[in-house]
Amino acid sequence: MKKCIIIGGGAAGMFAAITAASEGIQVSLWEKNEKLGKKLFITGKGRCNLTNDCETEDLFRNVITNSKFLYSAFYQFNSRNLMDFFEAEGLKLKTERGGRVFPESDKSSDVIRILERKMKQLGVDVHLNRTAEKLVVENGRCRGVMDTSRRTEYADRVLVASGGCSYASTGSSGDGYRLAEKEGHRIVTPRPSLVPMETVEDWCREVMGLSLRNVSIVLRKGKKKIYEDFGEMLFTHFGVSGPLILSASTRCGKLKDFKDLVLTIDLKPALSAEQVDDRLLRIFNENKNKQFRNSLSGLLPNKLIPVILDLSAIDPYKQVNLVSREERNRLGYLLKHLEIHIRGLRGFNEAIVTGGGISVRDVNPSTMESRHVKGLYFAGEVLDVDAVTGGFNLQIAWSTGWLAAKHMREDMEDEY
């Protein structure tokens, strides 16, 4: 029986192990942590947004970096294939807003349990607390892996699926980059992606914890629009976060600086400017004898009202029927164009995924095999590919892990 070693017990590594073992390959899975799937466990706030139920073409549209590299991976193993696998293994799934797919139980542990059970059924040999130190390469072919205890295990094929640098507490420390670079692979400088943003404005701290649903945002660098979307965001003690902001951050990683980076929030995207003004006129008419500060409770979240009062520069104690047309127009514009200046991104400890990684120019997109070392494969976050939120990054892991494992078997058959 032919053998492969898989480095990394995350989504890509475990799924590759299952796929390879299903093909009759003897699999040895190395995981540096004391248990498998530590990052998978916290994905989607512990609910595990494991994929997105969309057409394959939409998978590509949601990949930010090197989407064309994933052509073979996505077309040979897409989100429907992934959902079919888990449902066949007894995991009930549900699809939420935006096509996000979760376990019906809302428990990431159920996903991990199924992967572990399947590996056990297929005889995958799991080595916990085992860290790869170096690849054993002879005459341009990977022959095995040496661990940090200087023990060497030999195999016909090796797959590096060790993740990136995000969430270092889960063991993601860039080991795969080091292993690959030693064998001549180029590394695109890793950067935090799907990460919260820090803001210049202090008032964000005053409303921390406030979640805004059904708002639209535009992110501009100077006059250039670099991101636009509709959804949910969150204010924090340092700035802004939430699905909209995390996805917007994927457009910022390669910026040379954050000068003139402005986030504009439309608090009322369902209404035109004229409709907003009509609504304000109705509100003012209904509250004409109240102070201005007491007239907006039906229009905005209570926590945001003091901020809007301050930014509007309208006297909060002014009687509503004395608010001028110019002041009302200024308020209406503010509701449609709430501006926040971005100071920078948070670090790897808060990043959901890593941008950058092993250059895709050094990897065959049809097989996930290294272009420099025969018998060496890569999958998942260790590669220079990343996507927006919504289950797309995990689908990259499943698809590339599956593709690598499938081609290990085919390559072995071609040899003998």
Protein backbone atom coordinates (compact mmCIF):
# COMPACT_ATOMS: atom_id res chain seq x y z
CA MET A 1 0.00 0.00 0.00
CA LYS A 2 1.26 3.46 -0.91
CA LYS A 3 1.64 5.97 1.89
CA CYS A 4 1.28 9.71 2.36
CA ILE A 5 2.02 12.05 5.24
CA ILE A 6 -0.32 15.00 5.79
CA ILE A 7 0.99 17.88 7.90
CA GLY A 8 -1.88 19.70 9.63
CA GLY A 9 -5.11 18.47 11.20
CA GLY A 10 -7.38 21.31 10.16
CA ALA A 11 -10.13 21.34 7.54
CA ALA A 12 -7.84 20.84 4.51
CA GLY A 13 -5.68 18.23 6.23
CA MET A 14 -8.49 16.12 7.63
CA PHE A 15 -10.49 16.21 4.41
CA ALA A 16 -7.42 15.29 2.38
CA ALA A 17 -6.76 12.41 4.79
CA ILE A 18 -10.30 11.09 4.31
CA THR A 19 -10.07 11.45 0.53
CA ALA A 20 -6.66 9.78 0.29
CA ALA A 21 -7.63 6.92 2.61
CA SER A 22 -10.81 6.39 0.58
CA GLU A 23 -8.52 5.93 -2.44
CA GLY A 24 -6.64 3.15 -0.70
CA ILE A 25 -3.65 5.20 0.41
CA GLN A 26 -2.13 4.64 3.86
CA VAL A 27 -2.37 8.02 5.62
CA SER A 28 -0.29 9.39 8.47
CA LEU A 29 -1.72 12.69 9.74
CA TRP A 30 0.51 14.94 11.84
CA GLU A 31 -1.05 17.60 14.06
CA LYS A 32 1.08 19.82 16.30
CA ASN A 33 -1.79 20.46 18.77
CA GLU A 34 -3.22 18.11 21.38
CA LYS A 35 -6.39 17.72 19.32
CA LEU A 36 -7.63 18.07 15.75
CA GLY A 37 -9.58 20.97 14.25
CA LYS A 38 -8.82 23.68 16.83
CA LYS A 39 -9.41 26.49 14.36
CA LEU A 40 -12.39 24.74 12.81
CA PHE A 41 -13.90 24.60 16.30
CA ILE A 42 -14.06 28.40 16.60
CA THR A 43 -15.08 29.06 12.99
CA GLY A 44 -18.33 31.01 12.59
CA LYS A 45 -18.33 31.87 16.31
CA GLY A 46 -18.36 28.18 17.10
CA ARG A 47 -21.20 27.41 14.68
CA CYS A 48 -18.92 26.49 11.75
CA ASN A 49 -19.99 28.19 8.53
CA LEU A 50 -18.63 25.24 6.56
CA THR A 51 -19.43 26.40 3.02
CA ASN A 52 -21.71 28.56 0.89
CA ASP A 53 -24.63 27.07 -1.03
CA CYS A 54 -24.03 28.92 -4.28
CA GLU A 55 -23.23 28.18 -7.89
CA THR A 56 -19.61 27.32 -8.62
CA GLU A 57 -19.16 30.57 -10.56
CA ASP A 58 -20.14 32.48 -7.42
CA LEU A 59 -17.38 30.75 -5.48
CA PHE A 60 -14.85 32.40 -7.79
CA ARG A 61 -16.50 35.82 -7.45
CA ASN A 62 -16.03 35.72 -3.70
CA VAL A 63 -12.35 34.79 -3.80
CA ILE A 64 -10.22 37.89 -3.39
CA THR A 65 -6.76 36.56 -4.22
CA ASN A 66 -5.86 34.23 -7.11
CA SER A 67 -9.36 32.97 -7.87
CA LYS A 68 -8.29 31.50 -11.24
CA PHE A 69 -5.83 29.21 -9.44
CA LEU A 70 -8.84 27.44 -7.89
CA TYR A 71 -10.50 26.56 -11.22
CA SER A 72 -9.77 22.81 -11.05
CA ALA A 73 -10.36 22.61 -7.30
CA PHE A 74 -13.79 24.26 -7.38
CA TYR A 75 -15.03 22.63 -10.57
CA GLN A 76 -14.03 19.14 -9.42
CA PHE A 77 -15.22 19.55 -5.83
CA ASN A 78 -17.71 22.35 -5.15
CA SER A 79 -19.95 23.31 -2.23
CA ARG A 80 -22.70 20.90 -3.32
CA ASN A 81 -20.22 18.02 -3.25
CA LEU A 82 -19.13 19.09 0.23
CA MET A 83 -22.71 19.28 1.50
CA ASP A 84 -23.47 15.85 0.00
CA PHE A 85 -20.49 14.39 1.87
CA PHE A 86 -21.56 15.68 5.26
CA GLU A 87 -25.22 14.82 4.76
CA ALA A 88 -24.25 11.28 3.75
CA GLU A 89 -22.30 11.05 7.02
CA GLY A 90 -25.42 12.02 8.99
CA LEU A 91 -24.83 15.74 9.56
CA LYS A 92 -28.00 17.78 9.10
CA LEU A 93 -27.33 21.14 7.47
CA LYS A 94 -29.16 24.45 7.18
CA THR A 95 -28.68 27.41 4.89
CA GLU A 96 -28.97 30.95 6.21
CA ARG A 97 -28.88 34.45 4.74
CA GLY A 98 -26.35 34.88 1.96
CA GLY A 99 -26.11 31.14 1.30
CA ARG A 100 -24.13 30.47 4.49
CA VAL A 101 -24.29 26.76 5.39
CA PHE A 102 -24.15 25.62 9.03
CA PRO A 103 -24.75 22.38 10.91
CA GLU A 104 -28.40 22.32 12.00
CA SER A 105 -27.11 21.90 15.56
CA ASP A 106 -25.04 25.12 15.34
CA LYS A 107 -22.13 23.13 16.78
CA SER A 108 -18.74 23.06 15.07
CA SER A 109 -17.88 20.07 17.26
CA ASP A 110 -20.37 18.01 15.23
CA VAL A 111 -18.40 18.75 12.05
CA ILE A 112 -15.11 17.78 13.69
CA ARG A 113 -16.64 14.64 15.19
CA ILE A 114 -17.77 13.42 11.77
CA LEU A 115 -14.35 14.06 10.24
CA GLU A 116 -12.62 12.22 13.11
CA ARG A 117 -15.06 9.31 12.90
CA LYS A 118 -14.58 8.96 9.15
CA MET A 119 -10.79 9.01 9.49
CA LYS A 120 -10.97 6.31 12.15
CA GLN A 121 -13.21 4.16 9.93
CA LEU A 122 -10.72 4.50 7.08
CA GLY A 123 -7.71 3.70 9.25
CA VAL A 124 -5.99 7.09 9.16
CA ASP A 125 -3.05 7.06 11.58
CA VAL A 126 -3.34 10.31 13.59
CA HIS A 127 -0.26 11.66 15.39
CA LEU A 128 -1.14 14.45 17.85
CA ASN A 129 1.51 16.74 19.38
CA ARG A 130 3.79 16.05 16.43
CA THR A 131 5.40 19.00 14.67
CA ALA A 132 7.15 18.88 11.31
CA GLU A 133 10.70 20.24 11.42
CA LYS A 134 11.81 19.69 7.81
CA LEU A 135 10.88 17.93 4.62
CA VAL A 136 13.09 15.05 3.49
CA VAL A 137 13.87 15.77 -0.16
CA GLU A 138 16.17 13.56 -2.26
CA ASN A 139 16.94 14.13 -5.94
CA GLY A 140 14.07 16.59 -6.33
CA ARG A 141 11.45 14.34 -4.74
CA CYS A 142 9.90 14.56 -1.28
CA ARG A 143 10.50 11.26 0.52
CA GLY A 144 9.21 12.04 4.00
CA VAL A 145 9.18 14.41 6.97
CA MET A 146 11.41 14.87 10.02
CA ASP A 147 9.72 16.00 13.23
CA THR A 148 11.09 18.23 16.01
CA SER A 149 12.32 15.13 17.87
CA ARG A 150 14.54 14.35 14.85
CA ARG A 151 12.47 11.29 13.97
CA THR A 152 11.96 10.76 10.26
CA GLU A 153 8.91 9.12 8.72
CA TYR A 154 9.09 8.15 5.07
CA ALA A 155 6.24 8.22 2.56
CA ASP A 156 5.51 8.22 -1.15
CA ARG A 157 3.75 11.60 -0.99
CA VAL A 158 3.63 14.54 1.46
CA LEU A 159 0.88 17.17 1.76
CA VAL A 160 1.46 20.42 3.67
CA ALA A 161 -1.87 21.72 5.02
CA SER A 162 -0.61 23.50 8.11
CA GLY A 163 -2.63 26.73 7.78
CA GLY A 164 -1.47 30.33 7.93
CA CYS A 165 -0.71 32.78 10.76
CA SER A 166 -4.21 33.77 11.89
CA TYR A 167 -5.44 32.80 15.38
CA ALA A 168 -2.00 31.81 16.66
CA SER A 169 -3.68 30.34 19.75
CA THR A 170 -4.90 27.49 17.54
CA GLY A 171 -1.35 26.59 16.50
CA SER A 172 -1.20 28.63 13.28
CA SER A 173 2.37 29.87 13.29
CA GLY A 174 3.39 29.76 9.64
CA ASP A 175 5.21 26.40 9.85
CA GLY A 176 4.19 25.55 6.31
CA TYR A 177 5.82 28.69 4.93
CA ARG A 178 9.12 27.75 6.55
CA LEU A 179 8.99 24.17 5.23
CA ALA A 180 8.13 25.34 1.70
CA GLU A 181 10.66 28.18 1.59
CA LYS A 182 13.51 25.81 2.49
CA GLU A 183 12.72 23.89 -0.69
CA GLY A 184 12.76 26.94 -2.95
CA HIS A 185 9.13 28.04 -2.89
CA ARG A 186 8.37 31.75 -2.93
CA ILE A 187 6.34 33.16 -0.05
CA VAL A 188 4.01 36.11 -0.58
CA THR A 189 4.31 38.12 2.64
CA PRO A 190 1.55 36.93 5.00
CA ARG A 191 -0.95 39.56 6.12
CA PRO A 192 -4.09 39.56 8.28
CA SER A 193 -7.28 39.10 6.26
CA LEU A 194 -10.93 39.06 7.32
CA VAL A 195 -9.89 41.23 10.22
CA PRO A 196 -11.53 44.13 12.15
CA MET A 197 -10.54 47.74 11.48
CA GLU A 198 -9.27 50.46 13.79
CA THR A 199 -10.84 53.89 13.38
CA VAL A 200 -9.70 57.45 13.93
CA GLU A 201 -13.04 58.49 15.41
CA ASP A 202 -13.35 58.02 19.19
CA TRP A 203 -17.14 57.89 19.10
CA CYS A 204 -17.00 54.27 17.85
CA ARG A 205 -15.84 53.32 21.33
CA GLU A 206 -18.85 55.08 22.83
CA VAL A 207 -21.24 52.78 20.94
CA MET A 208 -19.18 49.56 21.23
CA GLY A 209 -21.31 46.46 21.15
CA LEU A 210 -23.86 48.08 18.85
CA SER A 211 -24.67 45.93 15.84
CA LEU A 212 -26.15 47.52 12.73
CA ARG A 213 -28.15 45.22 10.47
CA ASN A 214 -29.25 45.89 6.92
CA VAL A 215 -26.86 48.76 6.29
CA SER A 216 -24.69 49.33 3.25
CA ILE A 217 -21.08 50.45 3.25
CA VAL A 218 -18.64 51.93 0.76
CA LEU A 219 -14.89 51.87 1.41
CA ARG A 220 -12.84 54.42 -0.52
CA LYS A 221 -9.15 55.15 -0.75
CA GLY A 222 -9.20 58.80 -1.74
CA LYS A 223 -11.65 58.97 -4.63
CA LYS A 224 -11.29 55.31 -5.57
CA LYS A 225 -14.01 52.92 -4.42
CA ILE A 226 -12.39 49.67 -3.27
CA TYR A 227 -15.31 47.85 -1.64
CA GLU A 228 -19.10 48.08 -1.43
CA ASP A 229 -21.66 45.73 0.13
CA PHE A 230 -24.84 45.35 2.20
CA GLY A 231 -25.27 43.50 5.48
CA GLU A 232 -24.28 43.66 9.12
CA MET A 233 -21.50 45.42 11.03
CA LEU A 234 -20.47 45.96 14.64
CA PHE A 235 -18.87 48.76 16.65
CA THR A 236 -16.03 47.82 19.04
CA HIS A 237 -13.74 49.44 21.57
CA PHE A 238 -11.14 50.01 18.82
CA GLY A 239 -13.33 50.65 15.78
CA VAL A 240 -15.53 48.44 13.59
CA SER A 241 -16.00 44.74 12.92
CA GLY A 242 -18.72 42.33 11.77
CA PRO A 243 -19.24 40.53 8.44
CA LEU A 244 -19.28 43.66 6.26
CA ILE A 245 -16.09 45.03 7.77
CA LEU A 246 -14.25 41.72 7.71
CA SER A 247 -14.98 41.28 4.02
CA ALA A 248 -13.99 44.89 3.32
CA SER A 249 -10.66 44.29 5.05
CA THR A 250 -9.66 41.82 2.34
CA ARG A 251 -9.29 44.82 0.02
CA CYS A 252 -6.92 46.61 2.39
CA GLY A 253 -4.11 44.13 2.99
CA LYS A 254 -2.03 45.25 0.03
CA LEU A 255 -2.46 49.00 0.59
CA LYS A 256 0.82 50.84 1.13
CA ASP A 257 -0.81 53.10 3.71
CA PHE A 258 -4.20 53.91 5.19
CA LYS A 259 -4.15 57.61 4.41
CA ASP A 260 -7.52 58.86 3.11
CA LEU A 261 -9.17 55.47 3.70
CA VAL A 262 -12.80 56.32 4.47
CA LEU A 263 -15.71 54.04 5.34
CA THR A 264 -19.13 55.49 4.51
CA ILE A 265 -22.20 53.89 6.10
CA ASP A 266 -25.69 54.24 4.69
CA LEU A 267 -27.93 53.73 7.71
CA LYS A 268 -31.08 53.74 5.55
CA PRO A 269 -30.13 51.96 2.29
CA ALA A 270 -33.74 51.03 1.51
CA LEU A 271 -34.67 54.72 1.29
CA SER A 272 -33.62 57.33 -1.25
CA ALA A 273 -32.44 60.73 -0.04
CA GLU A 274 -35.89 62.13 -0.84
CA GLN A 275 -37.60 59.35 1.11
CA VAL A 276 -35.34 59.96 4.08
CA ASP A 277 -36.30 63.63 4.02
CA ASP A 278 -40.00 62.73 3.81
CA ARG A 279 -39.58 60.47 6.82
CA LEU A 280 -37.79 63.17 8.79
CA LEU A 281 -40.61 65.62 7.97
CA ARG A 282 -43.18 63.13 9.34
CA ILE A 283 -41.11 62.51 12.47
CA PHE A 284 -40.61 66.23 13.05
CA ASN A 285 -44.31 66.90 12.54
CA GLU A 286 -45.24 64.19 15.06
CA ASN A 287 -42.70 65.50 17.58
CA LYS A 288 -42.86 69.23 16.86
CA ASN A 289 -43.16 70.23 20.52
CA LYS A 290 -40.31 68.00 21.72
CA GLN A 291 -36.64 68.79 22.01
CA PHE A 292 -34.64 67.59 19.02
CA ARG A 293 -32.69 65.11 21.16
CA ASN A 294 -35.93 63.28 22.00
CA SER A 295 -37.26 62.98 18.46
CA LEU A 296 -35.09 60.27 16.90
CA SER A 297 -35.87 57.19 19.01
CA GLY A 298 -38.01 55.60 16.31
CA LEU A 299 -35.44 56.26 13.62
CA LEU A 300 -32.13 55.08 15.10
CA PRO A 301 -30.80 52.68 17.74
CA ASN A 302 -30.78 54.53 21.08
CA LYS A 303 -27.03 54.01 21.49
CA LEU A 304 -26.32 55.79 18.20
CA ILE A 305 -28.57 58.82 18.79
CA PRO A 306 -26.05 60.86 20.88
CA VAL A 307 -23.44 60.36 18.14
CA ILE A 308 -25.79 61.50 15.39
CA LEU A 309 -26.90 64.47 17.49
CA ASP A 310 -23.30 65.53 17.91
CA LEU A 311 -22.30 65.00 14.26
CA SER A 312 -25.37 66.82 12.96
CA ALA A 313 -24.30 69.99 14.83
CA ILE A 314 -27.96 70.67 15.63
CA ASP A 315 -28.66 72.01 19.12
CA PRO A 316 -30.05 68.92 20.92
CA TYR A 317 -32.23 71.13 23.13
CA LYS A 318 -33.77 73.00 20.21
CA GLN A 319 -37.49 72.48 19.82
CA VAL A 320 -38.17 70.29 16.78
CA ASN A 321 -40.42 72.84 15.07
CA LEU A 322 -37.49 75.28 15.11
CA VAL A 323 -35.10 72.94 13.25
CA SER A 324 -34.35 74.63 9.93
CA ARG A 325 -34.59 73.02 6.51
CA GLU A 326 -30.83 73.30 6.15
CA GLU A 327 -30.33 71.46 9.45
CA ARG A 328 -32.83 68.79 8.43
CA ASN A 329 -31.01 68.30 5.11
CA ARG A 330 -27.73 67.99 6.98
CA LEU A 331 -29.23 65.31 9.21
CA GLY A 332 -30.66 63.44 6.20
CA TYR A 333 -27.29 63.48 4.46
CA LEU A 334 -25.62 62.17 7.62
CA LEU A 335 -28.03 59.20 7.78
CA LYS A 336 -27.04 58.25 4.24
CA HIS A 337 -23.34 59.16 4.51
CA LEU A 338 -22.00 58.43 8.00
CA GLU A 339 -18.23 58.69 7.51
CA ILE A 340 -15.55 56.91 9.51
CA HIS A 341 -11.81 57.22 8.85
CA ILE A 342 -9.82 53.98 9.01
CA ARG A 343 -6.52 54.05 10.88
CA GLY A 344 -5.47 50.46 10.12
CA LEU A 345 -6.25 46.77 10.50
CA ARG A 346 -6.04 44.62 13.63
CA GLY A 347 -3.38 41.90 13.83
CA PHE A 348 -3.15 38.17 13.14
CA ASN A 349 -4.61 37.26 16.53
CA GLU A 350 -7.96 38.68 15.40
CA ALA A 351 -7.74 37.73 11.72
CA ILE A 352 -9.99 34.91 10.57
CA VAL A 353 -7.68 33.95 7.71
CA THR A 354 -4.23 34.79 6.39
CA GLY A 355 -3.65 36.61 3.14
CA GLY A 356 -0.43 35.78 1.35
CA GLY A 357 1.41 32.48 1.70
CA ILE A 358 3.01 30.01 -0.70
CA SER A 359 3.00 31.57 -4.15
CA VAL A 360 0.50 29.87 -6.44
CA ARG A 361 3.06 30.25 -9.24
CA ASP A 362 5.01 27.47 -7.53
CA VAL A 363 2.05 25.08 -7.35
CA ASN A 364 0.28 23.19 -10.15
CA PRO A 365 -3.38 24.31 -9.95
CA SER A 366 -4.60 21.08 -11.56
CA THR A 367 -3.03 18.85 -8.90
CA MET A 368 -1.85 21.04 -5.98
CA GLU A 369 1.61 19.53 -6.46
CA SER A 370 4.74 21.63 -6.06
CA ARG A 371 6.39 22.74 -9.29
CA HIS A 372 9.80 22.42 -7.58
CA VAL A 373 9.60 19.16 -5.61
CA LYS A 374 7.91 16.03 -6.93
CA GLY A 375 5.58 14.26 -4.52
CA LEU A 376 5.03 17.41 -2.43
CA TYR A 377 1.56 18.97 -2.30
CA PHE A 378 -0.07 21.99 -0.65
CA ALA A 379 -3.66 22.72 0.37
CA GLY A 380 -5.73 25.23 2.31
CA GLU A 381 -4.74 28.47 3.97
CA VAL A 382 -1.01 27.86 3.54
CA LEU A 383 -1.51 28.92 -0.11
CA ASP A 384 -1.77 32.53 -1.30
CA VAL A 385 -5.56 32.39 -1.74
CA ASP A 386 -8.24 34.01 0.41
CA ALA A 387 -11.89 35.01 0.15
CA VAL A 388 -14.58 37.11 1.81
CA THR A 389 -16.77 35.83 4.66
CA GLY A 390 -19.61 33.41 4.06
CA GLY A 391 -18.01 29.95 4.06
CA PHE A 392 -15.79 30.56 1.03
CA ASN A 393 -12.44 30.18 2.81
CA LEU A 394 -13.43 26.81 4.23
CA GLN A 395 -14.58 25.71 0.79
CA ILE A 396 -11.09 26.56 -0.48
CA ALA A 397 -9.70 24.24 2.21
CA TRP A 398 -12.08 21.36 1.40
CA SER A 399 -11.62 21.68 -2.36
CA THR A 400 -7.82 21.98 -2.43
CA GLY A 401 -7.42 19.18 0.13
CA TRP A 402 -9.68 16.92 -1.93
CA LEU A 403 -7.88 17.75 -5.20
CA ALA A 404 -4.42 17.12 -3.75
CA ALA A 405 -5.45 13.75 -2.32
CA LYS A 406 -7.11 12.64 -5.56
CA HIS A 407 -4.00 13.39 -7.58
CA MET A 408 -1.73 11.62 -5.11
CA ARG A 409 -3.56 8.43 -6.01
CA GLU A 410 -3.44 9.11 -9.75
CA ASP A 411 0.26 9.97 -9.62
CA MET A 412 1.02 6.78 -7.71
CA GLU A 413 -0.86 4.73 -10.30
CA ASP A 414 1.10 6.38 -13.10
CA GLU A 415 4.38 5.34 -11.45
CA TYR A 416 3.56 1.66 -11.28
